[in-house]
Amino acid sequence: MHRRITPDNLGAWVIKCNPRTTSVEPMLAAGEAKARWCVASNYRARLVAPGQRVLFWVSAHPRRGIWGAGRVTGDVFVEGGGLQVPVSIPLFAEPFSAIDLLALPELRSMEVFRSPQQANPSWVSKAELALIEPLLSR
């Protein structure tokens, strides 16, 4: 299922982190995700804008799921031959596991489940974010 992202259907960007390649320990100690992340050079990067919501997804971990939520803090920029997106993403005291999210049938088609190897940024729709938001305020 291919769903093209537009400003009308974008709920939040999802920045994925594989702890096998990027250690989560320093982020846990700091209470926030890194301040910038690599993103693919494609139409998605051109849609990223300051102020947009962003969720932090940790994969390849026993507690796989959403570990934090925040905002894009600036424009995507080039560094070291690749694109970077600046973010501010405070981490939750406890992540929301993939198992908890999959318990909601409407979230089973989220891109992080359908295409886990998709390059950053991934995304959730407005409808998916509406279902996730109550979890984030617990």
N, C-alpha and C. Protein backbone atom coordinates (compact mmCIF):
# COMPACT_ATOMS: atom_id res chain seq x y z
N MET A 1 0.84 -1.18 0.00
CA MET A 1 0.00 0.00 0.00
C MET A 1 0.89 1.24 0.00
N HIS A 2 0.79 2.06 -1.02
CA HIS A 2 1.59 3.27 -1.12
C HIS A 2 0.69 4.47 -0.81
N ARG A 3 1.12 5.27 0.15
CA ARG A 3 0.37 6.47 0.50
C ARG A 3 1.32 7.65 0.41
N ARG A 4 1.08 8.52 -0.54
CA ARG A 4 1.93 9.70 -0.68
C ARG A 4 1.60 10.70 0.43
N ILE A 5 2.63 11.25 1.01
CA ILE A 5 2.47 12.20 2.10
C ILE A 5 2.21 13.58 1.53
N THR A 6 1.25 14.26 2.14
CA THR A 6 0.94 15.64 1.80
C THR A 6 0.78 16.42 3.10
N PRO A 7 0.86 17.73 3.05
CA PRO A 7 0.60 18.51 4.27
C PRO A 7 -0.78 18.23 4.86
N ASP A 8 -1.73 17.83 4.01
CA ASP A 8 -3.08 17.57 4.50
C ASP A 8 -3.22 16.27 5.26
N ASN A 9 -2.38 15.26 4.96
CA ASN A 9 -2.53 13.99 5.67
C ASN A 9 -1.40 13.69 6.64
N LEU A 10 -0.37 14.54 6.69
CA LEU A 10 0.74 14.33 7.62
C LEU A 10 0.32 14.63 9.05
N GLY A 11 0.50 13.63 9.91
CA GLY A 11 0.27 13.83 11.34
C GLY A 11 1.57 14.18 12.04
N ALA A 12 2.59 13.35 11.81
CA ALA A 12 3.91 13.58 12.41
C ALA A 12 4.96 12.80 11.63
N TRP A 13 6.16 13.31 11.66
CA TRP A 13 7.29 12.57 11.13
C TRP A 13 7.71 11.56 12.17
N VAL A 14 8.32 10.49 11.72
CA VAL A 14 8.86 9.48 12.62
C VAL A 14 10.34 9.34 12.30
N ILE A 15 11.17 9.62 13.29
CA ILE A 15 12.61 9.42 13.17
C ILE A 15 12.91 8.08 13.82
N LYS A 16 13.52 7.19 13.04
CA LYS A 16 13.83 5.85 13.53
C LYS A 16 15.30 5.76 13.90
N CYS A 17 15.55 5.06 14.99
CA CYS A 17 16.90 4.84 15.48
C CYS A 17 17.11 3.35 15.69
N ASN A 18 18.15 2.82 15.08
CA ASN A 18 18.53 1.42 15.30
C ASN A 18 19.66 1.42 16.32
N PRO A 19 19.43 0.92 17.53
CA PRO A 19 20.48 0.97 18.54
C PRO A 19 21.69 0.10 18.22
N ARG A 20 21.59 -0.72 17.19
CA ARG A 20 22.76 -1.49 16.75
C ARG A 20 23.77 -0.59 16.04
N THR A 21 23.29 0.55 15.52
CA THR A 21 24.19 1.47 14.82
C THR A 21 24.33 2.82 15.52
N THR A 22 23.34 3.20 16.31
CA THR A 22 23.39 4.46 17.06
C THR A 22 22.99 4.15 18.50
N SER A 23 23.92 4.33 19.42
CA SER A 23 23.67 4.01 20.82
C SER A 23 22.57 4.88 21.41
N VAL A 24 21.65 4.24 22.12
CA VAL A 24 20.58 4.99 22.79
C VAL A 24 20.97 5.40 24.20
N GLU A 25 22.03 4.80 24.74
CA GLU A 25 22.43 5.09 26.13
C GLU A 25 22.71 6.57 26.37
N PRO A 26 23.50 7.26 25.53
CA PRO A 26 23.71 8.69 25.77
C PRO A 26 22.41 9.50 25.70
N MET A 27 21.50 9.08 24.84
CA MET A 27 20.23 9.79 24.74
C MET A 27 19.39 9.56 26.00
N LEU A 28 19.38 8.33 26.50
CA LEU A 28 18.65 8.04 27.73
C LEU A 28 19.21 8.87 28.89
N ALA A 29 20.53 8.95 28.97
CA ALA A 29 21.17 9.73 30.04
C ALA A 29 20.81 11.21 29.94
N ALA A 30 20.70 11.72 28.70
CA ALA A 30 20.37 13.13 28.49
C ALA A 30 18.88 13.40 28.58
N GLY A 31 18.05 12.35 28.46
CA GLY A 31 16.60 12.53 28.50
C GLY A 31 16.01 13.04 27.21
N GLU A 32 16.82 13.02 26.14
CA GLU A 32 16.32 13.46 24.84
C GLU A 32 17.10 12.79 23.72
N ALA A 33 16.45 12.73 22.56
CA ALA A 33 17.10 12.17 21.37
C ALA A 33 18.15 13.15 20.87
N LYS A 34 19.03 12.64 20.00
CA LYS A 34 20.01 13.53 19.37
C LYS A 34 19.30 14.73 18.75
N ALA A 35 20.04 15.81 18.60
CA ALA A 35 19.44 17.06 18.11
C ALA A 35 19.30 17.12 16.59
N ARG A 36 19.89 16.15 15.88
CA ARG A 36 19.71 16.11 14.42
C ARG A 36 19.89 14.68 13.94
N TRP A 37 19.18 14.40 12.82
CA TRP A 37 19.16 13.05 12.26
C TRP A 37 19.29 13.10 10.76
N CYS A 38 19.93 12.08 10.21
CA CYS A 38 20.03 11.94 8.75
C CYS A 38 18.67 11.63 8.18
N VAL A 39 18.37 12.22 7.04
CA VAL A 39 17.14 11.91 6.32
C VAL A 39 17.49 11.69 4.85
N ALA A 40 16.66 10.90 4.19
CA ALA A 40 16.87 10.61 2.77
C ALA A 40 16.60 11.85 1.93
N SER A 41 17.30 11.95 0.84
CA SER A 41 17.11 13.05 -0.09
C SER A 41 15.99 12.67 -1.05
N ASN A 42 14.77 13.02 -0.66
CA ASN A 42 13.61 12.71 -1.49
C ASN A 42 12.51 13.75 -1.22
N TYR A 43 11.34 13.54 -1.77
CA TYR A 43 10.27 14.53 -1.61
C TYR A 43 9.88 14.73 -0.16
N ARG A 44 10.06 13.71 0.67
CA ARG A 44 9.72 13.83 2.09
C ARG A 44 10.57 14.91 2.75
N ALA A 45 11.86 14.89 2.48
CA ALA A 45 12.76 15.88 3.08
C ALA A 45 12.32 17.30 2.72
N ARG A 46 11.77 17.46 1.53
CA ARG A 46 11.31 18.79 1.11
C ARG A 46 10.03 19.21 1.83
N LEU A 47 9.30 18.25 2.41
CA LEU A 47 8.07 18.56 3.16
C LEU A 47 8.33 18.87 4.63
N VAL A 48 9.49 18.46 5.14
CA VAL A 48 9.81 18.68 6.56
C VAL A 48 9.95 20.18 6.82
N ALA A 49 9.29 20.65 7.87
CA ALA A 49 9.32 22.09 8.18
C ALA A 49 9.38 22.31 9.69
N PRO A 50 10.00 23.41 10.11
CA PRO A 50 10.06 23.72 11.53
C PRO A 50 8.66 23.73 12.15
N GLY A 51 8.59 23.22 13.37
CA GLY A 51 7.33 23.21 14.12
C GLY A 51 6.52 21.93 13.95
N GLN A 52 6.82 21.14 12.93
CA GLN A 52 6.05 19.91 12.74
C GLN A 52 6.35 18.91 13.86
N ARG A 53 5.35 18.10 14.16
CA ARG A 53 5.50 17.05 15.17
C ARG A 53 6.47 15.98 14.67
N VAL A 54 7.18 15.37 15.62
CA VAL A 54 8.08 14.26 15.30
C VAL A 54 8.04 13.25 16.45
N LEU A 55 7.95 11.98 16.09
CA LEU A 55 8.00 10.88 17.04
C LEU A 55 9.33 10.18 16.90
N PHE A 56 9.86 9.68 18.00
CA PHE A 56 11.15 8.99 18.00
C PHE A 56 10.90 7.50 18.21
N TRP A 57 11.22 6.72 17.17
CA TRP A 57 10.98 5.27 17.15
C TRP A 57 12.31 4.54 17.29
N VAL A 58 12.40 3.67 18.28
CA VAL A 58 13.59 2.85 18.44
C VAL A 58 13.25 1.45 17.96
N SER A 59 14.06 0.96 17.02
CA SER A 59 13.84 -0.37 16.44
C SER A 59 14.90 -1.33 16.98
N ALA A 60 14.84 -2.58 16.59
CA ALA A 60 15.86 -3.58 16.92
C ALA A 60 16.22 -3.56 18.40
N HIS A 61 15.21 -3.47 19.24
CA HIS A 61 15.41 -3.37 20.69
C HIS A 61 14.26 -4.13 21.35
N PRO A 62 14.50 -4.76 22.49
CA PRO A 62 13.39 -5.45 23.18
C PRO A 62 12.22 -4.54 23.52
N ARG A 63 12.48 -3.25 23.67
CA ARG A 63 11.42 -2.28 23.96
C ARG A 63 11.13 -1.42 22.73
N ARG A 64 11.11 -2.06 21.57
CA ARG A 64 10.85 -1.38 20.29
C ARG A 64 9.55 -0.60 20.38
N GLY A 65 9.60 0.64 19.91
CA GLY A 65 8.40 1.46 19.90
C GLY A 65 8.72 2.94 19.92
N ILE A 66 7.77 3.74 20.38
CA ILE A 66 7.92 5.19 20.43
C ILE A 66 8.54 5.55 21.78
N TRP A 67 9.71 6.15 21.72
CA TRP A 67 10.45 6.50 22.93
C TRP A 67 10.36 7.99 23.28
N GLY A 68 9.86 8.81 22.37
CA GLY A 68 9.77 10.22 22.64
C GLY A 68 8.96 10.94 21.58
N ALA A 69 8.63 12.19 21.87
CA ALA A 69 7.87 13.02 20.93
C ALA A 69 8.33 14.46 21.08
N GLY A 70 8.39 15.15 19.95
CA GLY A 70 8.83 16.54 19.98
C GLY A 70 8.49 17.25 18.69
N ARG A 71 9.39 18.12 18.27
CA ARG A 71 9.15 18.97 17.10
C ARG A 71 10.41 19.09 16.25
N VAL A 72 10.19 19.35 14.98
CA VAL A 72 11.27 19.76 14.08
C VAL A 72 11.62 21.19 14.47
N THR A 73 12.91 21.49 14.62
CA THR A 73 13.31 22.81 15.11
C THR A 73 13.92 23.73 14.05
N GLY A 74 14.10 23.22 12.84
CA GLY A 74 14.68 24.06 11.79
C GLY A 74 14.52 23.39 10.44
N ASP A 75 15.05 24.04 9.44
CA ASP A 75 14.98 23.50 8.08
C ASP A 75 15.99 22.36 7.91
N VAL A 76 15.65 21.43 7.03
CA VAL A 76 16.58 20.38 6.65
C VAL A 76 17.80 21.05 6.01
N PHE A 77 19.00 20.55 6.34
CA PHE A 77 20.21 21.15 5.80
C PHE A 77 21.20 20.06 5.37
N VAL A 78 22.16 20.46 4.55
CA VAL A 78 23.18 19.54 4.04
C VAL A 78 24.38 19.60 4.97
N GLU A 79 24.88 18.41 5.32
CA GLU A 79 26.12 18.32 6.09
C GLU A 79 26.79 16.99 5.76
N GLY A 80 28.07 17.06 5.47
CA GLY A 80 28.82 15.84 5.17
C GLY A 80 28.29 15.07 3.98
N GLY A 81 27.72 15.76 3.02
CA GLY A 81 27.21 15.11 1.83
C GLY A 81 25.82 14.53 1.96
N GLY A 82 25.20 14.67 3.13
CA GLY A 82 23.85 14.16 3.33
C GLY A 82 22.95 15.20 3.94
N LEU A 83 21.67 14.86 4.02
CA LEU A 83 20.70 15.78 4.62
C LEU A 83 20.50 15.47 6.09
N GLN A 84 20.31 16.51 6.88
CA GLN A 84 20.07 16.40 8.32
C GLN A 84 18.82 17.19 8.67
N VAL A 85 18.08 16.70 9.65
CA VAL A 85 16.93 17.43 10.16
C VAL A 85 17.16 17.73 11.64
N PRO A 86 17.05 19.01 12.03
CA PRO A 86 17.20 19.36 13.44
C PRO A 86 15.88 19.14 14.18
N VAL A 87 15.98 18.55 15.37
CA VAL A 87 14.79 18.21 16.15
C VAL A 87 15.04 18.45 17.64
N SER A 88 13.96 18.56 18.35
CA SER A 88 13.98 18.53 19.81
C SER A 88 12.98 17.46 20.21
N ILE A 89 13.49 16.34 20.77
CA ILE A 89 12.63 15.21 21.10
C ILE A 89 12.91 14.75 22.52
N PRO A 90 12.17 15.25 23.50
CA PRO A 90 12.30 14.71 24.86
C PRO A 90 11.86 13.25 24.88
N LEU A 91 12.56 12.44 25.66
CA LEU A 91 12.20 11.03 25.78
C LEU A 91 11.20 10.83 26.91
N PHE A 92 10.37 9.81 26.76
CA PHE A 92 9.40 9.46 27.78
C PHE A 92 10.08 8.68 28.90
N ALA A 93 9.49 8.69 30.09
CA ALA A 93 10.00 7.87 31.19
C ALA A 93 9.95 6.40 30.81
N GLU A 94 8.91 6.00 30.10
CA GLU A 94 8.74 4.64 29.59
C GLU A 94 8.27 4.71 28.15
N PRO A 95 8.91 3.97 27.25
CA PRO A 95 8.47 3.99 25.85
C PRO A 95 7.11 3.33 25.67
N PHE A 96 6.46 3.65 24.56
CA PHE A 96 5.22 2.98 24.18
C PHE A 96 5.59 1.90 23.20
N SER A 97 5.40 0.66 23.61
CA SER A 97 5.89 -0.47 22.83
C SER A 97 5.09 -0.70 21.56
N ALA A 98 5.76 -1.33 20.62
CA ALA A 98 5.10 -1.73 19.38
C ALA A 98 3.91 -2.63 19.69
N ILE A 99 4.05 -3.48 20.69
CA ILE A 99 2.96 -4.39 21.07
C ILE A 99 1.73 -3.59 21.50
N ASP A 100 1.94 -2.53 22.29
CA ASP A 100 0.82 -1.68 22.72
C ASP A 100 0.17 -1.00 21.52
N LEU A 101 0.98 -0.53 20.59
CA LEU A 101 0.44 0.15 19.41
C LEU A 101 -0.31 -0.83 18.51
N LEU A 102 0.23 -2.04 18.37
CA LEU A 102 -0.42 -3.04 17.51
C LEU A 102 -1.74 -3.53 18.10
N ALA A 103 -1.96 -3.28 19.38
CA ALA A 103 -3.24 -3.65 20.00
C ALA A 103 -4.39 -2.83 19.42
N LEU A 104 -4.05 -1.68 18.82
CA LEU A 104 -5.07 -0.85 18.16
C LEU A 104 -5.08 -1.22 16.68
N PRO A 105 -6.11 -1.91 16.20
CA PRO A 105 -6.13 -2.37 14.80
C PRO A 105 -5.86 -1.26 13.78
N GLU A 106 -6.29 -0.04 14.08
CA GLU A 106 -6.11 1.07 13.13
C GLU A 106 -4.64 1.47 12.97
N LEU A 107 -3.78 1.05 13.91
CA LEU A 107 -2.37 1.41 13.83
C LEU A 107 -1.51 0.33 13.20
N ARG A 108 -2.09 -0.80 12.90
CA ARG A 108 -1.31 -1.92 12.34
C ARG A 108 -0.75 -1.62 10.96
N SER A 109 -1.30 -0.62 10.28
CA SER A 109 -0.79 -0.29 8.94
C SER A 109 0.18 0.90 8.97
N MET A 110 0.62 1.32 10.17
CA MET A 110 1.61 2.40 10.25
C MET A 110 2.85 2.02 9.44
N GLU A 111 3.47 3.00 8.84
CA GLU A 111 4.61 2.74 7.98
C GLU A 111 5.75 2.02 8.72
N VAL A 112 5.96 2.31 10.00
CA VAL A 112 7.05 1.63 10.72
C VAL A 112 6.81 0.13 10.83
N PHE A 113 5.55 -0.29 10.72
CA PHE A 113 5.24 -1.73 10.72
C PHE A 113 5.26 -2.29 9.30
N ARG A 114 4.72 -1.54 8.35
CA ARG A 114 4.65 -2.01 6.96
C ARG A 114 6.01 -2.03 6.28
N SER A 115 6.83 -1.04 6.60
CA SER A 115 8.12 -0.88 5.91
C SER A 115 9.20 -0.47 6.92
N PRO A 116 9.58 -1.40 7.79
CA PRO A 116 10.51 -1.04 8.87
C PRO A 116 11.89 -0.60 8.40
N GLN A 117 12.28 -0.94 7.19
CA GLN A 117 13.59 -0.55 6.68
C GLN A 117 13.55 0.78 5.93
N GLN A 118 12.39 1.40 5.84
CA GLN A 118 12.24 2.70 5.16
C GLN A 118 13.20 3.71 5.77
N ALA A 119 13.87 4.48 4.94
CA ALA A 119 14.80 5.51 5.43
C ALA A 119 14.04 6.61 6.16
N ASN A 120 14.76 7.31 7.05
CA ASN A 120 14.19 8.48 7.72
C ASN A 120 13.95 9.57 6.68
N PRO A 121 12.89 10.35 6.82
CA PRO A 121 11.89 10.22 7.85
C PRO A 121 10.75 9.29 7.42
N SER A 122 10.24 8.57 8.40
CA SER A 122 9.01 7.84 8.20
C SER A 122 7.89 8.81 8.61
N TRP A 123 6.67 8.32 8.73
CA TRP A 123 5.59 9.24 9.07
C TRP A 123 4.39 8.49 9.62
N VAL A 124 3.51 9.23 10.28
CA VAL A 124 2.18 8.74 10.64
C VAL A 124 1.18 9.75 10.11
N SER A 125 0.03 9.24 9.74
CA SER A 125 -1.03 10.10 9.22
C SER A 125 -1.69 10.87 10.37
N LYS A 126 -2.51 11.85 10.01
CA LYS A 126 -3.26 12.59 11.02
C LYS A 126 -4.17 11.65 11.81
N ALA A 127 -4.80 10.69 11.11
CA ALA A 127 -5.70 9.74 11.78
C ALA A 127 -4.91 8.86 12.75
N GLU A 128 -3.72 8.41 12.34
CA GLU A 128 -2.88 7.58 13.22
C GLU A 128 -2.41 8.39 14.42
N LEU A 129 -1.98 9.63 14.19
CA LEU A 129 -1.53 10.48 15.30
C LEU A 129 -2.66 10.72 16.29
N ALA A 130 -3.88 10.88 15.81
CA ALA A 130 -5.02 11.09 16.70
C ALA A 130 -5.20 9.90 17.66
N LEU A 131 -4.88 8.70 17.19
CA LEU A 131 -4.95 7.52 18.05
C LEU A 131 -3.74 7.41 18.98
N ILE A 132 -2.61 7.90 18.54
CA ILE A 132 -1.38 7.83 19.35
C ILE A 132 -1.36 8.90 20.43
N GLU A 133 -1.87 10.09 20.15
CA GLU A 133 -1.82 11.23 21.07
C GLU A 133 -2.28 10.89 22.49
N PRO A 134 -3.41 10.18 22.68
CA PRO A 134 -3.81 9.87 24.05
C PRO A 134 -2.76 9.04 24.80
N LEU A 135 -2.03 8.20 24.11
CA LEU A 135 -0.97 7.41 24.75
C LEU A 135 0.16 8.32 25.22
N LEU A 136 0.46 9.35 24.43
CA LEU A 136 1.56 10.23 24.74
C LEU A 136 1.29 11.10 25.96
N SER A 137 0.04 11.31 26.30
CA SER A 137 -0.30 12.18 27.44
C SER A 137 -0.47 11.39 28.73
N ARG A 138 -0.25 10.08 28.70
CA ARG A 138 -0.34 9.29 29.95
C ARG A 138 0.78 9.58 30.87
